[in-house]
Amino acid sequence: MFSIERLYNSACSYAANSIRIQPIFMSIIFDHYKTLKKLDEQEKSRQLKLDDIKPIN
């Protein structure tokens, strides 16, 4: 779980808060957000392709 999020930890660690776990949580949340956005775009693209298919009568 921490392999990709570790990339964002250094950026989040410079936050003004002194709580150490907060940057870790923020980097995990940010990575999950990016993944969800990517999945959403894929789903919209798939939906557009399905809408273009005309049914056979």
N, C-alpha and C. Protein backbone atom coordinates (compact mmCIF):
# COMPACT_ATOMS: atom_id res chain seq x y z
N MET A 1 0.83 -1.19 0.00
CA MET A 1 0.00 0.00 0.00
C MET A 1 0.88 1.26 0.00
N PHE A 2 2.01 1.20 0.64
CA PHE A 2 2.84 2.39 0.78
C PHE A 2 3.84 2.57 -0.35
N SER A 3 3.92 1.66 -1.31
CA SER A 3 4.96 1.76 -2.33
C SER A 3 4.79 2.98 -3.22
N ILE A 4 3.61 3.22 -3.75
CA ILE A 4 3.39 4.38 -4.62
C ILE A 4 3.21 5.65 -3.80
N GLU A 5 2.52 5.54 -2.70
CA GLU A 5 2.25 6.71 -1.88
C GLU A 5 3.52 7.31 -1.30
N ARG A 6 4.56 6.53 -1.20
CA ARG A 6 5.83 7.02 -0.68
C ARG A 6 6.37 8.16 -1.54
N LEU A 7 6.02 8.17 -2.81
CA LEU A 7 6.45 9.25 -3.70
C LEU A 7 5.89 10.60 -3.26
N TYR A 8 4.70 10.60 -2.70
CA TYR A 8 4.05 11.84 -2.30
C TYR A 8 4.39 12.24 -0.86
N ASN A 9 4.95 11.31 -0.09
CA ASN A 9 5.25 11.60 1.31
C ASN A 9 6.22 12.76 1.47
N SER A 10 7.22 12.84 0.61
CA SER A 10 8.20 13.92 0.75
C SER A 10 7.54 15.27 0.51
N ALA A 11 6.64 15.34 -0.43
CA ALA A 11 5.96 16.61 -0.70
C ALA A 11 5.03 16.98 0.45
N CYS A 12 4.36 16.00 1.01
CA CYS A 12 3.43 16.27 2.11
C CYS A 12 4.14 16.51 3.44
N SER A 13 5.37 16.04 3.56
CA SER A 13 6.05 16.17 4.84
C SER A 13 6.44 17.61 5.15
N TYR A 14 6.43 18.47 4.15
CA TYR A 14 6.76 19.87 4.38
C TYR A 14 5.55 20.70 4.79
N ALA A 15 4.46 20.04 5.08
CA ALA A 15 3.26 20.74 5.56
C ALA A 15 3.54 21.36 6.93
N ALA A 16 2.75 22.33 7.31
CA ALA A 16 2.98 23.06 8.55
C ALA A 16 2.63 22.24 9.79
N ASN A 17 1.89 21.16 9.63
CA ASN A 17 1.48 20.37 10.79
C ASN A 17 2.63 19.49 11.28
N SER A 18 2.70 19.33 12.57
CA SER A 18 3.77 18.52 13.15
C SER A 18 3.36 17.07 13.38
N ILE A 19 2.15 16.70 13.02
CA ILE A 19 1.67 15.33 13.19
C ILE A 19 2.26 14.48 12.06
N ARG A 20 2.97 13.44 12.40
CA ARG A 20 3.70 12.66 11.40
C ARG A 20 2.82 11.78 10.53
N ILE A 21 1.73 11.29 11.04
CA ILE A 21 0.90 10.37 10.28
C ILE A 21 0.06 11.09 9.22
N GLN A 22 -0.18 12.37 9.43
CA GLN A 22 -1.04 13.12 8.51
C GLN A 22 -0.50 13.16 7.07
N PRO A 23 0.78 13.44 6.84
CA PRO A 23 1.27 13.40 5.44
C PRO A 23 1.15 12.03 4.80
N ILE A 24 1.28 10.99 5.60
CA ILE A 24 1.14 9.63 5.06
C ILE A 24 -0.30 9.39 4.61
N PHE A 25 -1.26 9.78 5.46
CA PHE A 25 -2.66 9.64 5.08
C PHE A 25 -2.99 10.48 3.85
N MET A 26 -2.48 11.70 3.81
CA MET A 26 -2.77 12.58 2.67
C MET A 26 -2.20 12.01 1.37
N SER A 27 -1.02 11.43 1.43
CA SER A 27 -0.45 10.86 0.21
C SER A 27 -1.22 9.62 -0.24
N ILE A 28 -1.72 8.83 0.70
CA ILE A 28 -2.55 7.67 0.34
C ILE A 28 -3.86 8.14 -0.29
N ILE A 29 -4.47 9.14 0.32
CA ILE A 29 -5.73 9.68 -0.21
C ILE A 29 -5.52 10.27 -1.60
N PHE A 30 -4.42 10.99 -1.79
CA PHE A 30 -4.15 11.59 -3.09
C PHE A 30 -3.96 10.52 -4.16
N ASP A 31 -3.23 9.46 -3.84
CA ASP A 31 -3.04 8.39 -4.81
C ASP A 31 -4.35 7.70 -5.14
N HIS A 32 -5.19 7.47 -4.14
CA HIS A 32 -6.50 6.86 -4.39
C HIS A 32 -7.37 7.77 -5.25
N TYR A 33 -7.28 9.08 -5.01
CA TYR A 33 -8.02 10.04 -5.82
C TYR A 33 -7.59 9.96 -7.29
N LYS A 34 -6.29 9.91 -7.51
CA LYS A 34 -5.79 9.81 -8.89
C LYS A 34 -6.26 8.53 -9.56
N THR A 35 -6.25 7.43 -8.80
CA THR A 35 -6.71 6.15 -9.35
C THR A 35 -8.20 6.20 -9.68
N LEU A 36 -9.00 6.79 -8.80
CA LEU A 36 -10.43 6.90 -9.06
C LEU A 36 -10.73 7.78 -10.27
N LYS A 37 -9.98 8.87 -10.42
CA LYS A 37 -10.17 9.73 -11.60
C LYS A 37 -9.85 8.97 -12.88
N LYS A 38 -8.80 8.18 -12.86
CA LYS A 38 -8.41 7.39 -14.02
C LYS A 38 -9.49 6.36 -14.36
N LEU A 39 -10.01 5.68 -13.35
CA LEU A 39 -11.08 4.70 -13.56
C LEU A 39 -12.35 5.36 -14.07
N ASP A 40 -12.65 6.55 -13.57
CA ASP A 40 -13.82 7.28 -14.02
C ASP A 40 -13.70 7.65 -15.49
N GLU A 41 -12.52 8.10 -15.90
CA GLU A 41 -12.32 8.44 -17.31
C GLU A 41 -12.44 7.21 -18.19
N GLN A 42 -11.91 6.07 -17.73
CA GLN A 42 -12.04 4.83 -18.50
C GLN A 42 -13.49 4.41 -18.62
N GLU A 43 -14.24 4.55 -17.55
CA GLU A 43 -15.66 4.18 -17.57
C GLU A 43 -16.45 5.09 -18.51
N LYS A 44 -16.16 6.38 -18.48
CA LYS A 44 -16.85 7.31 -19.39
C LYS A 44 -16.51 6.99 -20.84
N SER A 45 -15.27 6.66 -21.10
CA SER A 45 -14.86 6.29 -22.46
C SER A 45 -15.58 5.02 -22.90
N ARG A 46 -15.67 4.05 -22.02
CA ARG A 46 -16.35 2.80 -22.33
C ARG A 46 -17.84 3.06 -22.58
N GLN A 47 -18.43 3.94 -21.79
CA GLN A 47 -19.85 4.25 -21.95
C GLN A 47 -20.11 4.94 -23.28
N LEU A 48 -19.20 5.84 -23.68
CA LEU A 48 -19.36 6.50 -24.98
C LEU A 48 -19.27 5.49 -26.12
N LYS A 49 -18.39 4.53 -26.01
CA LYS A 49 -18.27 3.50 -27.04
C LYS A 49 -19.54 2.67 -27.11
N LEU A 50 -20.12 2.36 -25.95
CA LEU A 50 -21.35 1.58 -25.94
C LEU A 50 -22.52 2.37 -26.51
N ASP A 51 -22.52 3.66 -26.30
CA ASP A 51 -23.60 4.50 -26.83
C ASP A 51 -23.53 4.60 -28.35
N ASP A 52 -22.33 4.45 -28.91
CA ASP A 52 -22.15 4.54 -30.36
C ASP A 52 -22.61 3.28 -31.08
N ILE A 53 -22.69 2.18 -30.37
CA ILE A 53 -23.12 0.92 -30.98
C ILE A 53 -24.62 0.96 -31.20
N LYS A 54 -25.02 0.72 -32.44
CA LYS A 54 -26.45 0.73 -32.78
C LYS A 54 -27.01 -0.68 -32.63
N PRO A 55 -28.15 -0.81 -32.01
CA PRO A 55 -28.74 -2.14 -31.86
C PRO A 55 -29.23 -2.69 -33.20
N ILE A 56 -29.17 -3.98 -33.34
CA ILE A 56 -29.66 -4.65 -34.56
C ILE A 56 -31.12 -5.00 -34.33
N ASN A 57 -31.97 -4.58 -35.24
CA ASN A 57 -33.41 -4.85 -35.11
C ASN A 57 -33.82 -6.04 -35.90
